[in-house]
Amino acid sequence: MQSKIEPRALLRLKQVLQLVPVCRSTWLSGVRSGRFPKPVKNGRCVFWPAASILELLENMSKQEA
């Protein structure tokens, strides 16, 4: 699924949580602590750059190996 994501895309929280195996509260806590990437805000909407999520997933898979 990761290969189908355009790195220039912006992802909503629901899309991020489909890719990263954590619950919503864990994700938001990780964003506040700096463990996960910071979002980009556009008015009232919050997005995460797909490139930063893909990089996070790559780093997570390297740590598991």
PDB file of N, CA and C in Angstrom:
ATOM      1  N   MET A   1       0.812  -1.197   0.000  1.00  0.00           N
ATOM      2  CA  MET A   1       0.000   0.000   0.000  1.00  0.00           C
ATOM      3  C   MET A   1       0.852   1.256   0.000  1.00  0.00           C
ATOM      4  N   GLN A   2       2.004   1.202   0.649  1.00  0.00           N
ATOM      5  CA  GLN A   2       2.866   2.366   0.743  1.00  0.00           C
ATOM      6  C   GLN A   2       3.346   2.831  -0.624  1.00  0.00           C
ATOM      7  N   SER A   3       3.547   1.911  -1.559  1.00  0.00           N
ATOM      8  CA  SER A   3       4.057   2.290  -2.867  1.00  0.00           C
ATOM      9  C   SER A   3       3.008   3.048  -3.681  1.00  0.00           C
ATOM     10  N   LYS A   4       1.723   2.957  -3.314  1.00  0.00           N
ATOM     11  CA  LYS A   4       0.665   3.635  -4.024  1.00  0.00           C
ATOM     12  C   LYS A   4       0.486   5.075  -3.573  1.00  0.00           C
ATOM     13  N   ILE A   5       1.172   5.483  -2.537  1.00  0.00           N
ATOM     14  CA  ILE A   5       1.014   6.822  -1.981  1.00  0.00           C
ATOM     15  C   ILE A   5       1.954   7.780  -2.692  1.00  0.00           C
ATOM     16  N   GLU A   6       1.387   8.852  -3.200  1.00  0.00           N
ATOM     17  CA  GLU A   6       2.175   9.902  -3.849  1.00  0.00           C
ATOM     18  C   GLU A   6       2.889  10.695  -2.750  1.00  0.00           C
ATOM     19  N   PRO A   7       4.218  10.771  -2.786  1.00  0.00           N
ATOM     20  CA  PRO A   7       4.957  11.473  -1.724  1.00  0.00           C
ATOM     21  C   PRO A   7       4.588  12.946  -1.568  1.00  0.00           C
ATOM     22  N   ARG A   8       4.047  13.558  -2.627  1.00  0.00           N
ATOM     23  CA  ARG A   8       3.674  14.979  -2.540  1.00  0.00           C
ATOM     24  C   ARG A   8       2.268  15.174  -1.974  1.00  0.00           C
ATOM     25  N   ALA A   9       1.551  14.083  -1.704  1.00  0.00           N
ATOM     26  CA  ALA A   9       0.181  14.170  -1.209  1.00  0.00           C
ATOM     27  C   ALA A   9       0.147  14.645   0.242  1.00  0.00           C
ATOM     28  N   LEU A  10      -1.011  15.131   0.631  1.00  0.00           N
ATOM     29  CA  LEU A  10      -1.270  15.492   2.024  1.00  0.00           C
ATOM     30  C   LEU A  10      -2.291  14.507   2.567  1.00  0.00           C
ATOM     31  N   LEU A  11      -1.999  13.948   3.730  1.00  0.00           N
ATOM     32  CA  LEU A  11      -2.849  12.918   4.320  1.00  0.00           C
ATOM     33  C   LEU A  11      -3.588  13.454   5.535  1.00  0.00           C
ATOM     34  N   ARG A  12      -4.843  13.080   5.674  1.00  0.00           N
ATOM     35  CA  ARG A  12      -5.614  13.404   6.870  1.00  0.00           C
ATOM     36  C   ARG A  12      -5.264  12.377   7.941  1.00  0.00           C
ATOM     37  N   LEU A  13      -5.645  12.663   9.170  1.00  0.00           N
ATOM     38  CA  LEU A  13      -5.309  11.784  10.286  1.00  0.00           C
ATOM     39  C   LEU A  13      -5.826  10.365  10.069  1.00  0.00           C
ATOM     40  N   LYS A  14      -7.038  10.235   9.560  1.00  0.00           N
ATOM     41  CA  LYS A  14      -7.607   8.906   9.323  1.00  0.00           C
ATOM     42  C   LYS A  14      -6.735   8.099   8.357  1.00  0.00           C
ATOM     43  N   GLN A  15      -6.214   8.748   7.334  1.00  0.00           N
ATOM     44  CA  GLN A  15      -5.347   8.070   6.366  1.00  0.00           C
ATOM     45  C   GLN A  15      -4.015   7.683   7.004  1.00  0.00           C
ATOM     46  N   VAL A  16      -3.477   8.569   7.833  1.00  0.00           N
ATOM     47  CA  VAL A  16      -2.212   8.285   8.520  1.00  0.00           C
ATOM     48  C   VAL A  16      -2.364   7.059   9.418  1.00  0.00           C
ATOM     49  N   LEU A  17      -3.476   6.997  10.147  1.00  0.00           N
ATOM     50  CA  LEU A  17      -3.687   5.894  11.082  1.00  0.00           C
ATOM     51  C   LEU A  17      -3.923   4.570  10.373  1.00  0.00           C
ATOM     52  N   GLN A  18      -4.301   4.602   9.101  1.00  0.00           N
ATOM     53  CA  GLN A  18      -4.411   3.369   8.330  1.00  0.00           C
ATOM     54  C   GLN A  18      -3.031   2.834   7.961  1.00  0.00           C
ATOM     55  N   LEU A  19      -2.035   3.710   7.942  1.00  0.00           N
ATOM     56  CA  LEU A  19      -0.672   3.321   7.567  1.00  0.00           C
ATOM     57  C   LEU A  19       0.204   3.013   8.772  1.00  0.00           C
ATOM     58  N   VAL A  20       0.037   3.792   9.828  1.00  0.00           N
ATOM     59  CA  VAL A  20       0.882   3.649  11.023  1.00  0.00           C
ATOM     60  C   VAL A  20       0.077   2.885  12.073  1.00  0.00           C
ATOM     61  N   PRO A  21       0.594   1.765  12.567  1.00  0.00           N
ATOM     62  CA  PRO A  21      -0.174   0.900  13.471  1.00  0.00           C
ATOM     63  C   PRO A  21      -0.229   1.400  14.919  1.00  0.00           C
ATOM     64  N   VAL A  22      -0.839   2.558  15.124  1.00  0.00           N
ATOM     65  CA  VAL A  22      -1.049   3.087  16.477  1.00  0.00           C
ATOM     66  C   VAL A  22      -2.463   3.662  16.552  1.00  0.00           C
ATOM     67  N   CYS A  23      -2.966   3.854  17.757  1.00  0.00           N
ATOM     68  CA  CYS A  23      -4.291   4.452  17.913  1.00  0.00           C
ATOM     69  C   CYS A  23      -4.164   5.978  17.845  1.00  0.00           C
ATOM     70  N   ARG A  24      -5.302   6.629  17.737  1.00  0.00           N
ATOM     71  CA  ARG A  24      -5.346   8.078  17.554  1.00  0.00           C
ATOM     72  C   ARG A  24      -4.646   8.823  18.699  1.00  0.00           C
ATOM     73  N   SER A  25      -4.944   8.442  19.927  1.00  0.00           N
ATOM     74  CA  SER A  25      -4.353   9.133  21.080  1.00  0.00           C
ATOM     75  C   SER A  25      -2.841   8.941  21.137  1.00  0.00           C
ATOM     76  N   THR A  26      -2.365   7.755  20.786  1.00  0.00           N
ATOM     77  CA  THR A  26      -0.921   7.500  20.760  1.00  0.00           C
ATOM     78  C   THR A  26      -0.260   8.359  19.686  1.00  0.00           C
ATOM     79  N   TRP A  27      -0.908   8.463  18.520  1.00  0.00           N
ATOM     80  CA  TRP A  27      -0.362   9.284  17.436  1.00  0.00           C
ATOM     81  C   TRP A  27      -0.260  10.744  17.864  1.00  0.00           C
ATOM     82  N   LEU A  28      -1.348  11.289  18.414  1.00  0.00           N
ATOM     83  CA  LEU A  28      -1.351  12.704  18.805  1.00  0.00           C
ATOM     84  C   LEU A  28      -0.353  12.980  19.926  1.00  0.00           C
ATOM     85  N   SER A  29      -0.216  12.046  20.841  1.00  0.00           N
ATOM     86  CA  SER A  29       0.782  12.185  21.898  1.00  0.00           C
ATOM     87  C   SER A  29       2.196  12.166  21.312  1.00  0.00           C
ATOM     88  N   GLY A  30       2.419  11.280  20.336  1.00  0.00           N
ATOM     89  CA  GLY A  30       3.719  11.202  19.672  1.00  0.00           C
ATOM     90  C   GLY A  30       4.043  12.448  18.872  1.00  0.00           C
ATOM     91  N   VAL A  31       3.031  13.078  18.292  1.00  0.00           N
ATOM     92  CA  VAL A  31       3.239  14.331  17.565  1.00  0.00           C
ATOM     93  C   VAL A  31       3.665  15.425  18.550  1.00  0.00           C
ATOM     94  N   ARG A  32       2.977  15.490  19.687  1.00  0.00           N
ATOM     95  CA  ARG A  32       3.320  16.502  20.698  1.00  0.00           C
ATOM     96  C   ARG A  32       4.731  16.303  21.245  1.00  0.00           C
ATOM     97  N   SER A  33       5.137  15.048  21.418  1.00  0.00           N
ATOM     98  CA  SER A  33       6.456  14.768  21.991  1.00  0.00           C
ATOM     99  C   SER A  33       7.585  14.845  20.963  1.00  0.00           C
ATOM    100  N   GLY A  34       7.226  14.873  19.675  1.00  0.00           N
ATOM    101  CA  GLY A  34       8.245  14.932  18.633  1.00  0.00           C
ATOM    102  C   GLY A  34       8.615  13.572  18.060  1.00  0.00           C
ATOM    103  N   ARG A  35       7.997  12.527  18.537  1.00  0.00           N
ATOM    104  CA  ARG A  35       8.286  11.180  18.029  1.00  0.00           C
ATOM    105  C   ARG A  35       7.756  11.000  16.608  1.00  0.00           C
ATOM    106  N   PHE A  36       6.618  11.622  16.319  1.00  0.00           N
ATOM    107  CA  PHE A  36       6.002  11.557  15.001  1.00  0.00           C
ATOM    108  C   PHE A  36       6.037  12.934  14.344  1.00  0.00           C
ATOM    109  N   PRO A  37       5.916  12.992  13.019  1.00  0.00           N
ATOM    110  CA  PRO A  37       6.014  14.275  12.312  1.00  0.00           C
ATOM    111  C   PRO A  37       4.904  15.256  12.697  1.00  0.00           C
ATOM    112  N   LYS A  38       5.238  16.530  12.652  1.00  0.00           N
ATOM    113  CA  LYS A  38       4.275  17.593  12.916  1.00  0.00           C
ATOM    114  C   LYS A  38       3.354  17.755  11.713  1.00  0.00           C
ATOM    115  N   PRO A  39       2.113  18.140  11.948  1.00  0.00           N
ATOM    116  CA  PRO A  39       1.187  18.340  10.836  1.00  0.00           C
ATOM    117  C   PRO A  39       1.358  19.708  10.186  1.00  0.00           C
ATOM    118  N   VAL A  40       0.738  19.846   9.028  1.00  0.00           N
ATOM    119  CA  VAL A  40       0.650  21.108   8.307  1.00  0.00           C
ATOM    120  C   VAL A  40      -0.791  21.554   8.446  1.00  0.00           C
ATOM    121  N   LYS A  41      -1.008  22.793   8.854  1.00  0.00           N
ATOM    122  CA  LYS A  41      -2.370  23.276   9.039  1.00  0.00           C
ATOM    123  C   LYS A  41      -2.750  24.200   7.882  1.00  0.00           C
ATOM    124  N   ASN A  42      -3.971  23.988   7.392  1.00  0.00           N
ATOM    125  CA  ASN A  42      -4.519  24.813   6.330  1.00  0.00           C
ATOM    126  C   ASN A  42      -5.895  25.262   6.807  1.00  0.00           C
ATOM    127  N   GLY A  43      -5.943  26.421   7.421  1.00  0.00           N
ATOM    128  CA  GLY A  43      -7.196  26.857   8.023  1.00  0.00           C
ATOM    129  C   GLY A  43      -7.532  25.956   9.194  1.00  0.00           C
ATOM    130  N   ARG A  44      -8.687  25.322   9.139  1.00  0.00           N
ATOM    131  CA  ARG A  44      -9.108  24.420  10.212  1.00  0.00           C
ATOM    132  C   ARG A  44      -8.686  22.984   9.948  1.00  0.00           C
ATOM    133  N   CYS A  45      -8.202  22.697   8.766  1.00  0.00           N
ATOM    134  CA  CYS A  45      -7.817  21.327   8.395  1.00  0.00           C
ATOM    135  C   CYS A  45      -6.365  21.053   8.767  1.00  0.00           C
ATOM    136  N   VAL A  46      -6.109  19.821   9.153  1.00  0.00           N
ATOM    137  CA  VAL A  46      -4.767  19.389   9.539  1.00  0.00           C
ATOM    138  C   VAL A  46      -4.362  18.242   8.625  1.00  0.00           C
ATOM    139  N   PHE A  47      -3.155  18.346   8.059  1.00  0.00           N
ATOM    140  CA  PHE A  47      -2.646  17.344   7.137  1.00  0.00           C
ATOM    141  C   PHE A  47      -1.227  16.962   7.530  1.00  0.00           C
ATOM    142  N   TRP A  48      -0.823  15.775   7.098  1.00  0.00           N
ATOM    143  CA  TRP A  48       0.564  15.347   7.226  1.00  0.00           C
ATOM    144  C   TRP A  48       1.102  15.092   5.830  1.00  0.00           C
ATOM    145  N   PRO A  49       2.271  15.623   5.500  1.00  0.00           N
ATOM    146  CA  PRO A  49       2.863  15.332   4.191  1.00  0.00           C
ATOM    147  C   PRO A  49       3.132  13.830   4.070  1.00  0.00           C
ATOM    148  N   ALA A  50       2.708  13.252   2.971  1.00  0.00           N
ATOM    149  CA  ALA A  50       2.889  11.811   2.767  1.00  0.00           C
ATOM    150  C   ALA A  50       4.367  11.439   2.811  1.00  0.00           C
ATOM    151  N   ALA A  51       5.235  12.311   2.328  1.00  0.00           N
ATOM    152  CA  ALA A  51       6.667  12.019   2.327  1.00  0.00           C
ATOM    153  C   ALA A  51       7.177  11.803   3.756  1.00  0.00           C
ATOM    154  N   SER A  52       6.698  12.603   4.712  1.00  0.00           N
ATOM    155  CA  SER A  52       7.165  12.438   6.095  1.00  0.00           C
ATOM    156  C   SER A  52       6.621  11.152   6.711  1.00  0.00           C
ATOM    157  N   ILE A  53       5.411  10.747   6.332  1.00  0.00           N
ATOM    158  CA  ILE A  53       4.843   9.500   6.842  1.00  0.00           C
ATOM    159  C   ILE A  53       5.578   8.304   6.234  1.00  0.00           C
ATOM    160  N   LEU A  54       5.860   8.373   4.949  1.00  0.00           N
ATOM    161  CA  LEU A  54       6.604   7.285   4.297  1.00  0.00           C
ATOM    162  C   LEU A  54       8.001   7.145   4.904  1.00  0.00           C
ATOM    163  N   GLU A  55       8.637   8.274   5.201  1.00  0.00           N
ATOM    164  CA  GLU A  55       9.959   8.249   5.840  1.00  0.00           C
ATOM    165  C   GLU A  55       9.863   7.630   7.239  1.00  0.00           C
ATOM    166  N   LEU A  56       8.826   7.987   7.981  1.00  0.00           N
ATOM    167  CA  LEU A  56       8.620   7.408   9.308  1.00  0.00           C
ATOM    168  C   LEU A  56       8.459   5.893   9.218  1.00  0.00           C
ATOM    169  N   LEU A  57       7.646   5.432   8.277  1.00  0.00           N
ATOM    170  CA  LEU A  57       7.430   3.994   8.114  1.00  0.00           C
ATOM    171  C   LEU A  57       8.719   3.277   7.716  1.00  0.00           C
ATOM    172  N   GLU A  58       9.509   3.905   6.886  1.00  0.00           N
ATOM    173  CA  GLU A  58      10.795   3.313   6.478  1.00  0.00           C
ATOM    174  C   GLU A  58      11.723   3.196   7.687  1.00  0.00           C
ATOM    175  N   ASN A  59      11.776   4.247   8.500  1.00  0.00           N
ATOM    176  CA  ASN A  59      12.630   4.221   9.698  1.00  0.00           C
ATOM    177  C   ASN A  59      12.143   3.176  10.698  1.00  0.00           C
ATOM    178  N   MET A  60      10.814   3.040  10.821  1.00  0.00           N
ATOM    179  CA  MET A  60      10.259   2.033  11.738  1.00  0.00           C
ATOM    180  C   MET A  60      10.627   0.622  11.271  1.00  0.00           C
ATOM    181  N   SER A  61      10.580   0.387   9.967  1.00  0.00           N
ATOM    182  CA  SER A  61      10.900  -0.943   9.462  1.00  0.00           C
ATOM    183  C   SER A  61      12.401  -1.259   9.618  1.00  0.00           C
ATOM    184  N   LYS A  62      13.246  -0.229   9.528  1.00  0.00           N
ATOM    185  CA  LYS A  62      14.683  -0.437   9.736  1.00  0.00           C
ATOM    186  C   LYS A  62      14.981  -0.794  11.184  1.00  0.00           C
ATOM    187  N   GLN A  63      14.241  -0.172  12.113  1.00  0.00           N
ATOM    188  CA  GLN A  63      14.449  -0.454  13.540  1.00  0.00           C
ATOM    189  C   GLN A  63      14.016  -1.864  13.902  1.00  0.00           C
ATOM    190  N   GLU A  64      12.988  -2.374  13.208  1.00  0.00           N
ATOM    191  CA  GLU A  64      12.514  -3.723  13.482  1.00  0.00           C
ATOM    192  C   GLU A  64      13.473  -4.776  12.959  1.00  0.00           C
ATOM    193  N   ALA A  65      14.207  -4.453  11.919  1.00  0.00           N
ATOM    194  CA  ALA A  65      15.103  -5.431  11.290  1.00  0.00           C
ATOM    195  C   ALA A  65      16.364  -5.647  12.085  1.00  0.00           C
TER     196      ALA A  65
END
